[in-house]
Structure formats: C-alpha cells, structure tokens
Amino acid sequence: MAAQLTTVVSDLILSLTCLLCCYEIFLEKEDVFVIYGFILVGLASAAGVFRFGGCDSVRDLHSTLSTHAAAVGLPWLMLLSASIQLNQGLKLSLVSPGWDIIVILGMHVCTIQYDHTRQMLVPATLLGLLYAAIVNKNHFHLVGLGLLTLSGVIGPSGKIGPVHRVDLFHFALSGALYAFKTGLIHVI
C-alpha cells in the first residue's frame, strides 16, 4: 500500500491529542479508568499512522483497534463524563474499580460478538452525556458532542473533493476529544 501522507498527519494529530488529554486528566484526577477511552482511541490512531505510512502489516491491528475505540472507548468516555457531571465531580462506581474492569471487558466482548454494538452504545451514551451537559451547563461537552456528531456525519471513507474524509473525521474527532477533556477537567 502506498503511503497516504495526509492521513498519517491526521492520525498523528489524533494520537497526540489523545496523549495530551491522558496526561492532563491523569495530572488532575489520577484515575486510569477515566483515561481509558482516550487510550483506546490513541492506540487506534497510532496504528493508523503506521498503516497509512506504508506498513501494511498493521492493517488488521488498526482495524481491530478502531472498532474497539469506536464501540468501547468513545462510549466509555461519554459514560464516565456523564457520570462525573451528574455526581458533581466524582465518578459513580457500582462498588469498586473492579466493576469498571468488568464493564470494560463486557463491552469488548460484545464488540467482538455483535456487529451492531457500536450502533447501540454510541447513541445511548451520546444522549446520556447530552442530558448531563445540558443539566450542568457544560459548554465544553456540548461542543465535544457537536464535533463527535460531525465526525460521524463525515465518516471515515471516501473523499470530499480532493480531501480524504478520514482526515476530516480525524480532525473533528481530535476536537471532540479535546473538548471532552476540557469539560472533564472543568467538572473535576
């Protein structure tokens, strides 16, 4: 596969955005479960840098990581963001961090077993975060939701004129993740 340099750059920007978000949130909250969604998206985009840089051997890894980032990472991020907002800065937990691990693993298993998991989880968690953002007047999360919706409308395949849709998708997703991070830090 020939290198697609614009996608390498957009994937690199997405990876660096995820890294920055993880760093800033971890400094504020020191909770690895809060940054898990950013980590999944960052890993998928890092694999994309290599894939679109011409290393075709990571194609399957990139595809798998992208599926998990979309079906687990983003819903987890939105679920925790809504939970933190509705609980005035504290993450709601069922009993202990062990339950967080069980929920994450369950989401991954559902992603592997059922093709339509993403179509169920993303809209449900999007609506939950929308409700929490409106109730708490969190403008950062509203901007993030708008950019996440825009990235979904753009989609990752095809072209708009000379521009690859995947590049616009990455830029919109980078903006959404940074807005989510800022909204989380605003609440924490």
C-alpha atoms as a PDB file:
ATOM      1  CA  MET A   1       0.000   0.000   0.000  1.00  0.00           C
ATOM      2  CA  ALA A   2       1.322   3.440  -0.894  1.00  0.00           C
ATOM      3  CA  ALA A   3       1.732   5.979   1.867  1.00  0.00           C
ATOM      4  CA  GLN A   4      -1.212   8.316   2.353  1.00  0.00           C
ATOM      5  CA  LEU A   5       0.612  11.214   3.994  1.00  0.00           C
ATOM      6  CA  THR A   6      -2.403  13.380   4.801  1.00  0.00           C
ATOM      7  CA  THR A   7      -3.912  10.512   6.780  1.00  0.00           C
ATOM      8  CA  VAL A   8      -0.598   9.892   8.531  1.00  0.00           C
ATOM      9  CA  VAL A   9      -0.644  13.538   9.654  1.00  0.00           C
ATOM     10  CA  SER A  10      -4.302  13.475  10.740  1.00  0.00           C
ATOM     11  CA  ASP A  11      -3.792  10.184  12.625  1.00  0.00           C
ATOM     12  CA  LEU A  12      -0.668  11.612  14.265  1.00  0.00           C
ATOM     13  CA  ILE A  13      -2.606  14.709  15.371  1.00  0.00           C
ATOM     14  CA  LEU A  14      -5.337  12.462  16.802  1.00  0.00           C
ATOM     15  CA  SER A  15      -2.728  10.349  18.635  1.00  0.00           C
ATOM     16  CA  LEU A  16      -1.025  13.413  20.087  1.00  0.00           C
ATOM     17  CA  THR A  17      -4.396  14.861  21.138  1.00  0.00           C
ATOM     18  CA  CYS A  18      -5.192  11.621  22.982  1.00  0.00           C
ATOM     19  CA  LEU A  19      -1.770  11.628  24.636  1.00  0.00           C
ATOM     20  CA  LEU A  20      -2.210  15.239  25.760  1.00  0.00           C
ATOM     21  CA  CYS A  21      -5.707  14.508  27.096  1.00  0.00           C
ATOM     22  CA  CYS A  22      -4.472  11.468  29.034  1.00  0.00           C
ATOM     23  CA  TYR A  23      -1.606  13.458  30.524  1.00  0.00           C
ATOM     24  CA  GLU A  24      -3.740  16.416  31.613  1.00  0.00           C
ATOM     25  CA  ILE A  25      -6.573  14.308  33.028  1.00  0.00           C
ATOM     26  CA  PHE A  26      -4.187  11.987  34.848  1.00  0.00           C
ATOM     27  CA  LEU A  27      -2.489  15.004  36.438  1.00  0.00           C
ATOM     28  CA  GLU A  28      -5.882  16.278  37.649  1.00  0.00           C
ATOM     29  CA  LYS A  29      -7.651  13.054  38.609  1.00  0.00           C
ATOM     30  CA  GLU A  30      -5.019  10.268  38.795  1.00  0.00           C
ATOM     31  CA  ASP A  31      -7.632   7.720  37.712  1.00  0.00           C
ATOM     32  CA  VAL A  32      -6.670   5.331  34.934  1.00  0.00           C
ATOM     33  CA  PHE A  33     -10.304   4.375  34.265  1.00  0.00           C
ATOM     34  CA  VAL A  34     -11.131   7.952  33.276  1.00  0.00           C
ATOM     35  CA  ILE A  35      -8.447   7.983  30.558  1.00  0.00           C
ATOM     36  CA  TYR A  36      -9.182   4.502  29.177  1.00  0.00           C
ATOM     37  CA  GLY A  37     -11.323   5.801  26.294  1.00  0.00           C
ATOM     38  CA  PHE A  38      -8.592   8.231  25.260  1.00  0.00           C
ATOM     39  CA  ILE A  39      -6.033   5.406  25.399  1.00  0.00           C
ATOM     40  CA  LEU A  40      -8.084   3.184  23.068  1.00  0.00           C
ATOM     41  CA  VAL A  41      -8.585   5.960  20.505  1.00  0.00           C
ATOM     42  CA  GLY A  42      -4.906   6.909  20.770  1.00  0.00           C
ATOM     43  CA  LEU A  43      -3.768   3.326  20.156  1.00  0.00           C
ATOM     44  CA  ALA A  44      -6.043   3.023  17.127  1.00  0.00           C
ATOM     45  CA  SER A  45      -4.770   6.273  15.638  1.00  0.00           C
ATOM     46  CA  ALA A  46      -1.131   5.338  16.379  1.00  0.00           C
ATOM     47  CA  ALA A  47      -1.674   2.094  14.452  1.00  0.00           C
ATOM     48  CA  GLY A  48      -3.210   4.239  11.694  1.00  0.00           C
ATOM     49  CA  VAL A  49      -0.028   6.318  11.480  1.00  0.00           C
ATOM     50  CA  PHE A  50       1.932   3.159  10.665  1.00  0.00           C
ATOM     51  CA  ARG A  51      -0.732   1.686   8.398  1.00  0.00           C
ATOM     52  CA  PHE A  52      -1.137   4.789   6.268  1.00  0.00           C
ATOM     53  CA  GLY A  53       2.598   5.391   6.404  1.00  0.00           C
ATOM     54  CA  GLY A  54       3.004   2.290   4.251  1.00  0.00           C
ATOM     55  CA  CYS A  55       3.308  -0.516   6.834  1.00  0.00           C
ATOM     56  CA  ASP A  56       0.534  -2.777   5.592  1.00  0.00           C
ATOM     57  CA  SER A  57       1.261  -5.449   8.232  1.00  0.00           C
ATOM     58  CA  VAL A  58      -0.649  -3.433  10.876  1.00  0.00           C
ATOM     59  CA  ARG A  59      -3.818  -3.244   8.762  1.00  0.00           C
ATOM     60  CA  ASP A  60      -5.726  -5.837  10.833  1.00  0.00           C
ATOM     61  CA  LEU A  61      -4.459  -4.374  14.112  1.00  0.00           C
ATOM     62  CA  HIS A  62      -5.580  -0.904  13.050  1.00  0.00           C
ATOM     63  CA  SER A  63      -8.984  -2.216  12.005  1.00  0.00           C
ATOM     64  CA  THR A  64      -9.488  -4.077  15.305  1.00  0.00           C
ATOM     65  CA  LEU A  65      -8.304  -1.173  17.444  1.00  0.00           C
ATOM     66  CA  SER A  66     -10.508   1.253  15.506  1.00  0.00           C
ATOM     67  CA  THR A  67     -13.553  -0.945  16.059  1.00  0.00           C
ATOM     68  CA  HIS A  68     -12.852  -1.159  19.792  1.00  0.00           C
ATOM     69  CA  ALA A  69     -12.116   2.560  20.031  1.00  0.00           C
ATOM     70  CA  ALA A  70     -15.473   3.353  18.414  1.00  0.00           C
ATOM     71  CA  ALA A  71     -17.542   0.713  20.209  1.00  0.00           C
ATOM     72  CA  VAL A  72     -15.862   0.807  23.639  1.00  0.00           C
ATOM     73  CA  GLY A  73     -13.508   3.783  24.001  1.00  0.00           C
ATOM     74  CA  LEU A  74     -15.889   6.563  22.980  1.00  0.00           C
ATOM     75  CA  PRO A  75     -18.958   5.170  24.808  1.00  0.00           C
ATOM     76  CA  TRP A  76     -16.842   4.589  27.940  1.00  0.00           C
ATOM     77  CA  LEU A  77     -15.558   8.165  27.763  1.00  0.00           C
ATOM     78  CA  MET A  78     -19.077   9.556  27.357  1.00  0.00           C
ATOM     79  CA  LEU A  79     -20.479   7.296  30.084  1.00  0.00           C
ATOM     80  CA  LEU A  80     -17.853   8.400  32.593  1.00  0.00           C
ATOM     81  CA  SER A  81     -18.172  12.052  31.575  1.00  0.00           C
ATOM     82  CA  ALA A  82     -21.926  11.957  32.174  1.00  0.00           C
ATOM     83  CA  SER A  83     -21.419  10.068  35.432  1.00  0.00           C
ATOM     84  CA  ILE A  84     -18.845  12.572  36.705  1.00  0.00           C
ATOM     85  CA  GLN A  85     -21.056  15.532  35.784  1.00  0.00           C
ATOM     86  CA  LEU A  86     -24.181  14.143  37.399  1.00  0.00           C
ATOM     87  CA  ASN A  87     -22.253  13.319  40.571  1.00  0.00           C
ATOM     88  CA  GLN A  88     -20.651  16.781  40.939  1.00  0.00           C
ATOM     89  CA  GLY A  89     -17.116  15.814  40.014  1.00  0.00           C
ATOM     90  CA  LEU A  90     -16.925  12.244  41.346  1.00  0.00           C
ATOM     91  CA  LYS A  91     -17.168   9.160  39.186  1.00  0.00           C
ATOM     92  CA  LEU A  92     -20.130   6.994  40.040  1.00  0.00           C
ATOM     93  CA  SER A  93     -18.972   3.466  40.669  1.00  0.00           C
ATOM     94  CA  LEU A  94     -21.067   0.405  41.339  1.00  0.00           C
ATOM     95  CA  VAL A  95     -18.893  -0.882  44.172  1.00  0.00           C
ATOM     96  CA  SER A  96     -15.205  -0.714  43.333  1.00  0.00           C
ATOM     97  CA  PRO A  97     -12.818  -0.257  40.416  1.00  0.00           C
ATOM     98  CA  GLY A  98     -13.203  -3.988  39.803  1.00  0.00           C
ATOM     99  CA  TRP A  99     -16.684  -3.321  38.436  1.00  0.00           C
ATOM    100  CA  ASP A 100     -15.211  -0.835  35.975  1.00  0.00           C
ATOM    101  CA  ILE A 101     -12.962  -3.603  34.641  1.00  0.00           C
ATOM    102  CA  ILE A 102     -15.928  -5.968  34.300  1.00  0.00           C
ATOM    103  CA  VAL A 103     -17.935  -3.352  32.383  1.00  0.00           C
ATOM    104  CA  ILE A 104     -14.983  -2.608  30.072  1.00  0.00           C
ATOM    105  CA  LEU A 105     -14.385  -6.312  29.393  1.00  0.00           C
ATOM    106  CA  GLY A 106     -18.102  -6.834  28.767  1.00  0.00           C
ATOM    107  CA  MET A 107     -18.121  -4.005  26.242  1.00  0.00           C
ATOM    108  CA  HIS A 108     -15.110  -5.531  24.451  1.00  0.00           C
ATOM    109  CA  VAL A 109     -16.718  -8.988  24.353  1.00  0.00           C
ATOM    110  CA  CYS A 110     -19.940  -7.515  22.953  1.00  0.00           C
ATOM    111  CA  THR A 111     -17.908  -5.695  20.299  1.00  0.00           C
ATOM    112  CA  ILE A 112     -16.284  -8.944  19.228  1.00  0.00           C
ATOM    113  CA  GLN A 113     -19.524 -10.958  19.269  1.00  0.00           C
ATOM    114  CA  TYR A 114     -22.057  -8.480  17.880  1.00  0.00           C
ATOM    115  CA  ASP A 115     -21.548  -6.258  14.852  1.00  0.00           C
ATOM    116  CA  HIS A 116     -24.185  -3.735  15.916  1.00  0.00           C
ATOM    117  CA  THR A 117     -22.815  -2.964  19.390  1.00  0.00           C
ATOM    118  CA  ARG A 118     -21.425   0.394  18.297  1.00  0.00           C
ATOM    119  CA  GLN A 119     -24.764   1.396  16.794  1.00  0.00           C
ATOM    120  CA  MET A 120     -26.386   0.806  20.208  1.00  0.00           C
ATOM    121  CA  LEU A 121     -23.729   2.101  22.614  1.00  0.00           C
ATOM    122  CA  VAL A 122     -22.667   5.335  20.944  1.00  0.00           C
ATOM    123  CA  PRO A 123     -26.155   6.909  20.543  1.00  0.00           C
ATOM    124  CA  ALA A 124     -27.225   5.811  24.040  1.00  0.00           C
ATOM    125  CA  THR A 125     -24.128   7.250  25.714  1.00  0.00           C
ATOM    126  CA  LEU A 126     -24.279  10.323  23.469  1.00  0.00           C
ATOM    127  CA  LEU A 127     -27.800  11.054  24.720  1.00  0.00           C
ATOM    128  CA  GLY A 128     -26.726  10.441  28.324  1.00  0.00           C
ATOM    129  CA  LEU A 129     -23.841  12.892  28.019  1.00  0.00           C
ATOM    130  CA  LEU A 130     -26.078  15.404  26.227  1.00  0.00           C
ATOM    131  CA  TYR A 131     -28.517  15.275  29.148  1.00  0.00           C
ATOM    132  CA  ALA A 132     -25.719  15.670  31.719  1.00  0.00           C
ATOM    133  CA  ALA A 133     -24.105  18.523  29.759  1.00  0.00           C
ATOM    134  CA  ILE A 134     -27.393  20.420  29.483  1.00  0.00           C
ATOM    135  CA  VAL A 135     -28.302  19.905  33.143  1.00  0.00           C
ATOM    136  CA  ASN A 136     -24.846  21.047  34.296  1.00  0.00           C
ATOM    137  CA  LYS A 137     -24.400  23.709  31.595  1.00  0.00           C
ATOM    138  CA  ASN A 138     -21.102  22.180  30.451  1.00  0.00           C
ATOM    139  CA  HIS A 139     -20.442  24.000  27.192  1.00  0.00           C
ATOM    140  CA  PHE A 140     -17.242  22.051  26.543  1.00  0.00           C
ATOM    141  CA  HIS A 141     -19.113  18.761  26.435  1.00  0.00           C
ATOM    142  CA  LEU A 142     -21.773  20.286  24.174  1.00  0.00           C
ATOM    143  CA  VAL A 143     -19.043  21.367  21.734  1.00  0.00           C
ATOM    144  CA  GLY A 144     -17.490  17.895  22.000  1.00  0.00           C
ATOM    145  CA  LEU A 145     -20.824  16.252  21.263  1.00  0.00           C
ATOM    146  CA  GLY A 146     -21.303  18.505  18.244  1.00  0.00           C
ATOM    147  CA  LEU A 147     -17.847  17.660  16.899  1.00  0.00           C
ATOM    148  CA  LEU A 148     -18.361  13.940  17.588  1.00  0.00           C
ATOM    149  CA  THR A 149     -21.646  14.078  15.684  1.00  0.00           C
ATOM    150  CA  LEU A 150     -19.891  15.941  12.855  1.00  0.00           C
ATOM    151  CA  SER A 151     -17.183  13.253  12.701  1.00  0.00           C
ATOM    152  CA  GLY A 152     -19.927  10.622  12.420  1.00  0.00           C
ATOM    153  CA  VAL A 153     -21.620  12.535   9.611  1.00  0.00           C
ATOM    154  CA  ILE A 154     -18.313  12.949   7.749  1.00  0.00           C
ATOM    155  CA  GLY A 155     -17.411   9.272   8.120  1.00  0.00           C
ATOM    156  CA  PRO A 156     -14.018   7.665   7.516  1.00  0.00           C
ATOM    157  CA  SER A 157     -14.349   6.588   3.877  1.00  0.00           C
ATOM    158  CA  GLY A 158     -14.463   8.382   0.575  1.00  0.00           C
ATOM    159  CA  LYS A 159     -13.478  11.885  -0.476  1.00  0.00           C
ATOM    160  CA  ILE A 160     -14.956  15.366  -0.415  1.00  0.00           C
ATOM    161  CA  GLY A 161     -13.352  16.921  -3.453  1.00  0.00           C
ATOM    162  CA  PRO A 162      -9.611  16.336  -3.146  1.00  0.00           C
ATOM    163  CA  VAL A 163      -9.750  15.809   0.657  1.00  0.00           C
ATOM    164  CA  HIS A 164      -9.996  12.332   2.172  1.00  0.00           C
ATOM    165  CA  ARG A 165     -12.985  12.072   4.519  1.00  0.00           C
ATOM    166  CA  VAL A 166     -10.873  10.124   7.016  1.00  0.00           C
ATOM    167  CA  ASP A 167      -8.676  13.204   7.509  1.00  0.00           C
ATOM    168  CA  LEU A 168     -11.674  15.432   8.262  1.00  0.00           C
ATOM    169  CA  PHE A 169     -13.010  12.653  10.509  1.00  0.00           C
ATOM    170  CA  HIS A 170      -9.732  12.610  12.459  1.00  0.00           C
ATOM    171  CA  PHE A 171      -9.661  16.398  12.848  1.00  0.00           C
ATOM    172  CA  ALA A 172     -13.271  16.523  14.074  1.00  0.00           C
ATOM    173  CA  LEU A 173     -12.613  13.628  16.456  1.00  0.00           C
ATOM    174  CA  SER A 174      -9.472  15.361  17.776  1.00  0.00           C
ATOM    175  CA  GLY A 175     -11.513  18.470  18.519  1.00  0.00           C
ATOM    176  CA  ALA A 176     -14.250  16.398  20.169  1.00  0.00           C
ATOM    177  CA  LEU A 177     -11.797  14.563  22.428  1.00  0.00           C
ATOM    178  CA  TYR A 178     -10.049  17.781  23.440  1.00  0.00           C
ATOM    179  CA  ALA A 179     -13.432  19.345  24.250  1.00  0.00           C
ATOM    180  CA  PHE A 180     -14.394  16.272  26.307  1.00  0.00           C
ATOM    181  CA  LYS A 181     -11.086  16.521  28.183  1.00  0.00           C
ATOM    182  CA  THR A 182     -11.630  20.212  28.890  1.00  0.00           C
ATOM    183  CA  GLY A 183     -15.172  19.506  30.035  1.00  0.00           C
ATOM    184  CA  LEU A 184     -13.967  16.772  32.374  1.00  0.00           C
ATOM    185  CA  ILE A 185     -11.286  18.972  33.895  1.00  0.00           C
ATOM    186  CA  HIS A 186     -13.891  21.730  34.268  1.00  0.00           C
ATOM    187  CA  VAL A 187     -16.068  19.377  36.318  1.00  0.00           C
ATOM    188  CA  ILE A 188     -13.351  17.578  38.305  1.00  0.00           C
END
